């Protein structure tokens, strides 16, 4: 598994924060045809979604790996009786 989606998510969250800082300092109201607030919220939302999804999938794979390892240990314990 690659960590690239998580790093892209972090980059999008940083971009959202930078848009918010630019809005606050320079009074930017629009980015192209869209309101700057909408752009910042969209970037942040997609970034958080990518990061959380990556972390949840990694946690799921860890749980599956631990369950397989536990099942493998139980199977080898029964082999001593043969």
C-alpha atoms as a PDB file:
ATOM      1  CA  UNK A   1       0.000   0.000   0.000  1.00  0.00           C
ATOM      2  CA  UNK A   2       1.199   3.424  -0.873  1.00  0.00           C
ATOM      3  CA  UNK A   3       1.020   6.400   1.451  1.00  0.00           C
ATOM      4  CA  UNK A   4       0.638   8.821  -1.451  1.00  0.00           C
ATOM      5  CA  UNK A   5      -3.143   9.377  -0.969  1.00  0.00           C
ATOM      6  CA  UNK A   6      -2.578  10.365   2.650  1.00  0.00           C
ATOM      7  CA  UNK A   7       0.164  12.823   1.705  1.00  0.00           C
ATOM      8  CA  UNK A   8      -2.062  14.280  -1.020  1.00  0.00           C
ATOM      9  CA  UNK A   9      -4.768  14.704   1.623  1.00  0.00           C
ATOM     10  CA  UNK A  10      -2.359  16.545   3.890  1.00  0.00           C
ATOM     11  CA  UNK A  11      -1.356  18.783   0.961  1.00  0.00           C
ATOM     12  CA  UNK A  12      -5.003  19.600   0.245  1.00  0.00           C
ATOM     13  CA  UNK A  13      -5.586  20.498   3.897  1.00  0.00           C
ATOM     14  CA  UNK A  14      -2.553  22.792   3.818  1.00  0.00           C
ATOM     15  CA  UNK A  15      -3.849  24.370   0.599  1.00  0.00           C
ATOM     16  CA  UNK A  16      -7.202  24.998   2.296  1.00  0.00           C
ATOM     17  CA  UNK A  17      -5.438  26.669   5.212  1.00  0.00           C
ATOM     18  CA  UNK A  18      -3.424  28.821   2.815  1.00  0.00           C
ATOM     19  CA  UNK A  19      -6.595  29.901   1.001  1.00  0.00           C
ATOM     20  CA  UNK A  20      -8.109  30.827   4.371  1.00  0.00           C
ATOM     21  CA  UNK A  21      -5.022  32.883   5.304  1.00  0.00           C
ATOM     22  CA  UNK A  22      -5.085  34.688   1.960  1.00  0.00           C
ATOM     23  CA  UNK A  23      -8.795  35.421   2.421  1.00  0.00           C
ATOM     24  CA  UNK A  24      -8.151  36.872   5.864  1.00  0.00           C
ATOM     25  CA  UNK A  25      -5.126  39.004   4.946  1.00  0.00           C
ATOM     26  CA  UNK A  26      -5.875  40.225   1.447  1.00  0.00           C
ATOM     27  CA  UNK A  27      -9.638  40.148   1.535  1.00  0.00           C
ATOM     28  CA  UNK A  28      -9.885  37.759  -1.405  1.00  0.00           C
ATOM     29  CA  UNK A  29     -13.536  36.955  -1.956  1.00  0.00           C
ATOM     30  CA  UNK A  30     -13.483  34.924  -5.177  1.00  0.00           C
ATOM     31  CA  UNK A  31     -11.182  32.401  -6.777  1.00  0.00           C
ATOM     32  CA  UNK A  32     -12.261  32.353 -10.380  1.00  0.00           C
ATOM     33  CA  UNK A  33     -16.044  32.077 -10.498  1.00  0.00           C
ATOM     34  CA  UNK A  34     -16.252  30.462  -7.048  1.00  0.00           C
ATOM     35  CA  UNK A  35     -16.320  32.052  -3.594  1.00  0.00           C
ATOM     36  CA  UNK A  36     -13.022  31.567  -1.781  1.00  0.00           C
ATOM     37  CA  UNK A  37     -14.812  30.047   1.210  1.00  0.00           C
ATOM     38  CA  UNK A  38     -16.280  27.325  -1.000  1.00  0.00           C
ATOM     39  CA  UNK A  39     -12.832  26.539  -2.420  1.00  0.00           C
ATOM     40  CA  UNK A  40     -11.275  26.343   1.053  1.00  0.00           C
ATOM     41  CA  UNK A  41     -14.059  24.099   2.370  1.00  0.00           C
ATOM     42  CA  UNK A  42     -13.893  21.797  -0.655  1.00  0.00           C
ATOM     43  CA  UNK A  43     -10.111  21.427  -0.485  1.00  0.00           C
ATOM     44  CA  UNK A  44     -10.223  20.756   3.244  1.00  0.00           C
ATOM     45  CA  UNK A  45     -13.084  18.281   2.938  1.00  0.00           C
ATOM     46  CA  UNK A  46     -11.413  16.232   0.219  1.00  0.00           C
ATOM     47  CA  UNK A  47      -8.103  16.308   2.102  1.00  0.00           C
ATOM     48  CA  UNK A  48      -9.623  15.073   5.347  1.00  0.00           C
ATOM     49  CA  UNK A  49     -11.542  12.388   3.472  1.00  0.00           C
ATOM     50  CA  UNK A  50      -8.351  11.079   1.840  1.00  0.00           C
ATOM     51  CA  UNK A  51      -6.416  11.031   5.112  1.00  0.00           C
ATOM     52  CA  UNK A  52      -9.135   9.353   7.169  1.00  0.00           C
ATOM     53  CA  UNK A  53      -9.894   6.808   4.449  1.00  0.00           C
ATOM     54  CA  UNK A  54      -6.222   5.866   4.175  1.00  0.00           C
ATOM     55  CA  UNK A  55      -5.887   5.493   7.937  1.00  0.00           C
ATOM     56  CA  UNK A  56      -9.082   3.420   8.209  1.00  0.00           C
ATOM     57  CA  UNK A  57      -8.003   1.079   5.416  1.00  0.00           C
ATOM     58  CA  UNK A  58      -4.589   0.641   7.035  1.00  0.00           C
ATOM     59  CA  UNK A  59      -6.271  -0.174  10.343  1.00  0.00           C
ATOM     60  CA  UNK A  60      -8.550  -2.690   8.644  1.00  0.00           C
ATOM     61  CA  UNK A  61      -5.595  -4.416   6.983  1.00  0.00           C
ATOM     62  CA  UNK A  62      -3.808  -4.523  10.349  1.00  0.00           C
ATOM     63  CA  UNK A  63      -6.839  -6.159  11.986  1.00  0.00           C
ATOM     64  CA  UNK A  64      -7.125  -8.729   9.195  1.00  0.00           C
ATOM     65  CA  UNK A  65      -3.403  -9.470   9.443  1.00  0.00           C
ATOM     66  CA  UNK A  66      -3.635  -9.920  13.206  1.00  0.00           C
ATOM     67  CA  UNK A  67      -6.630 -12.247  12.832  1.00  0.00           C
ATOM     68  CA  UNK A  68      -4.783 -14.338  10.231  1.00  0.00           C
ATOM     69  CA  UNK A  69      -1.729 -14.532  12.468  1.00  0.00           C
ATOM     70  CA  UNK A  70      -3.863 -15.612  15.435  1.00  0.00           C
ATOM     71  CA  UNK A  71      -5.630 -18.224  13.315  1.00  0.00           C
ATOM     72  CA  UNK A  72      -2.275 -19.502  12.069  1.00  0.00           C
ATOM     73  CA  UNK A  73      -0.997 -19.847  15.632  1.00  0.00           C
ATOM     74  CA  UNK A  74      -4.047 -21.874  16.645  1.00  0.00           C
ATOM     75  CA  UNK A  75      -3.627 -24.214  13.674  1.00  0.00           C
ATOM     76  CA  UNK A  76       0.013 -24.948  14.509  1.00  0.00           C
ATOM     77  CA  UNK A  77      -0.805 -25.700  18.166  1.00  0.00           C
ATOM     78  CA  UNK A  78      -3.038 -28.573  17.145  1.00  0.00           C
ATOM     79  CA  UNK A  79      -0.329 -30.157  14.994  1.00  0.00           C
ATOM     80  CA  UNK A  80       1.708 -31.301  18.022  1.00  0.00           C
ATOM     81  CA  UNK A  81      -0.896 -33.905  18.962  1.00  0.00           C
ATOM     82  CA  UNK A  82      -0.531 -35.830  15.689  1.00  0.00           C
END
